[in-house]
Amino acid sequence: MNIMQMMKQAQSLQQKLKETQAELAKTEITGEAAGGAVVVTCDGQGKFKSIKLKPEAINPENPSSVDAETIEMLEDIISTAINQASEKAGKEMEAKMKAVTGGINIPGLNF
């Protein structure tokens, strides 16, 4: 195999990686707990998208006592906390990976 063939293969692989990452970013994956009372959605890259709570997740004894405004407020503050933690984790990973790679950009490792 000559160097030109290797370069073409590397470019093809890099393009496939970009396409796969874009596809994963559009994919939605959900997880549920308490019989669907709590539903969390992430993209295919594991990034948090949203959380949905049902009244029974907040007050199982008396779900009708929980109003929509309370549910929305809890969803918002939980989402904010998860997004902050994810952002911090992403920055930490980026710093550690740059330390390991010496700042060299390696195709397929986006950070």
Protein backbone atom coordinates (compact mmCIF):
# COMPACT_ATOMS: atom_id res chain seq x y z
CA MET A 1 0.00 0.00 0.00
CA ASN A 2 1.42 3.34 -0.96
CA ILE A 3 1.20 6.62 0.93
CA MET A 4 -1.55 8.00 -1.33
CA GLN A 5 -3.80 5.01 -0.63
CA MET A 6 -3.16 5.42 3.10
CA MET A 7 -4.05 9.13 2.90
CA LYS A 8 -7.28 8.35 1.03
CA GLN A 9 -8.22 5.72 3.62
CA ALA A 10 -7.48 8.15 6.46
CA GLN A 11 -9.63 10.85 4.82
CA SER A 12 -12.43 8.35 4.24
CA LEU A 13 -12.26 7.21 7.86
CA GLN A 14 -12.25 10.82 9.10
CA GLN A 15 -15.34 11.58 6.99
CA LYS A 16 -17.13 8.48 8.32
CA LEU A 17 -16.29 9.52 11.88
CA LYS A 18 -17.75 13.00 11.28
CA GLU A 19 -20.90 11.53 9.77
CA THR A 20 -21.30 9.07 12.64
CA GLN A 21 -20.81 11.83 15.22
CA ALA A 22 -23.45 13.99 13.47
CA GLU A 23 -25.85 11.04 13.38
CA LEU A 24 -25.28 10.31 17.07
CA ALA A 25 -25.86 13.98 17.97
CA LYS A 26 -29.32 13.76 16.34
CA THR A 27 -30.24 10.45 18.00
CA GLU A 28 -32.43 10.60 21.11
CA ILE A 29 -32.14 7.90 23.77
CA THR A 30 -34.36 7.79 26.84
CA GLY A 31 -34.07 6.18 30.22
CA GLU A 32 -36.95 5.74 32.65
CA ALA A 33 -37.34 5.16 36.36
CA ALA A 34 -40.27 4.56 38.67
CA GLY A 35 -42.48 3.14 35.93
CA GLY A 36 -42.02 6.17 33.67
CA ALA A 37 -42.51 8.77 36.41
CA VAL A 38 -39.03 10.09 35.55
CA VAL A 39 -37.82 10.14 31.94
CA VAL A 40 -34.37 11.41 30.94
CA THR A 41 -33.38 12.00 27.32
CA CYS A 42 -29.79 12.10 26.03
CA ASP A 43 -28.37 12.26 22.54
CA GLY A 44 -26.38 9.38 21.07
CA GLN A 45 -23.17 10.98 22.33
CA GLY A 46 -24.44 10.78 25.90
CA LYS A 47 -25.15 14.50 26.24
CA PHE A 48 -28.12 15.31 28.46
CA LYS A 49 -31.11 16.80 26.61
CA SER A 50 -34.06 16.85 29.01
CA ILE A 51 -35.85 15.44 32.02
CA LYS A 52 -39.59 14.94 32.39
CA LEU A 53 -41.21 14.36 35.75
CA LYS A 54 -44.70 13.11 36.49
CA PRO A 55 -46.52 14.23 39.65
CA GLU A 56 -46.18 10.75 41.17
CA ALA A 57 -42.38 11.12 41.09
CA ILE A 58 -42.69 14.14 43.39
CA ASN A 59 -45.53 13.01 45.64
CA PRO A 60 -46.39 9.33 45.21
CA GLU A 61 -48.95 9.49 48.03
CA ASN A 62 -50.92 12.33 46.47
CA PRO A 63 -49.87 13.08 42.86
CA SER A 64 -52.85 15.39 42.28
CA SER A 65 -51.39 17.79 44.87
CA VAL A 66 -48.45 18.58 42.56
CA ASP A 67 -49.15 21.38 40.09
CA ALA A 68 -47.63 21.78 36.61
CA GLU A 69 -45.66 24.87 37.69
CA THR A 70 -43.86 22.87 40.42
CA ILE A 71 -43.05 20.08 37.96
CA GLU A 72 -41.67 22.56 35.41
CA MET A 73 -39.57 24.33 38.07
CA LEU A 74 -38.07 21.02 39.23
CA GLU A 75 -37.35 19.93 35.64
CA ASP A 76 -35.61 23.27 35.02
CA ILE A 77 -33.41 23.23 38.12
CA ILE A 78 -32.46 19.56 37.66
CA SER A 79 -31.64 20.24 33.97
CA THR A 80 -29.49 23.23 34.95
CA ALA A 81 -27.53 21.16 37.48
CA ILE A 82 -26.99 18.29 35.02
CA ASN A 83 -25.87 20.69 32.26
CA GLN A 84 -23.41 22.43 34.61
CA ALA A 85 -21.92 19.10 35.68
CA SER A 86 -21.67 17.93 32.05
CA GLU A 87 -19.97 21.16 31.00
CA LYS A 88 -17.45 20.88 33.83
CA ALA A 89 -16.80 17.22 33.01
CA GLY A 90 -16.29 18.11 29.33
CA LYS A 91 -13.76 20.83 30.21
CA GLU A 92 -11.93 18.46 32.54
CA MET A 93 -11.80 15.76 29.85
CA GLU A 94 -10.57 18.32 27.29
CA ALA A 95 -7.78 19.49 29.60
CA LYS A 96 -6.66 15.94 30.41
CA MET A 97 -6.76 14.84 26.73
CA LYS A 98 -4.75 17.89 25.65
CA ALA A 99 -2.19 17.05 28.32
CA VAL A 100 -1.95 13.47 27.00
CA THR A 101 -1.84 14.41 23.30
CA GLY A 102 0.34 17.47 23.78
CA GLY A 103 -2.32 19.57 22.05
CA ILE A 104 -2.12 17.54 18.83
CA ASN A 105 -5.47 17.30 17.06
CA ILE A 106 -6.26 13.63 16.51
CA PRO A 107 -9.07 13.02 13.98
CA GLY A 108 -12.09 11.38 15.59
CA LEU A 109 -11.22 12.63 19.08
CA ASN A 110 -13.21 15.83 19.32
CA PHE A 111 -12.74 17.69 22.58
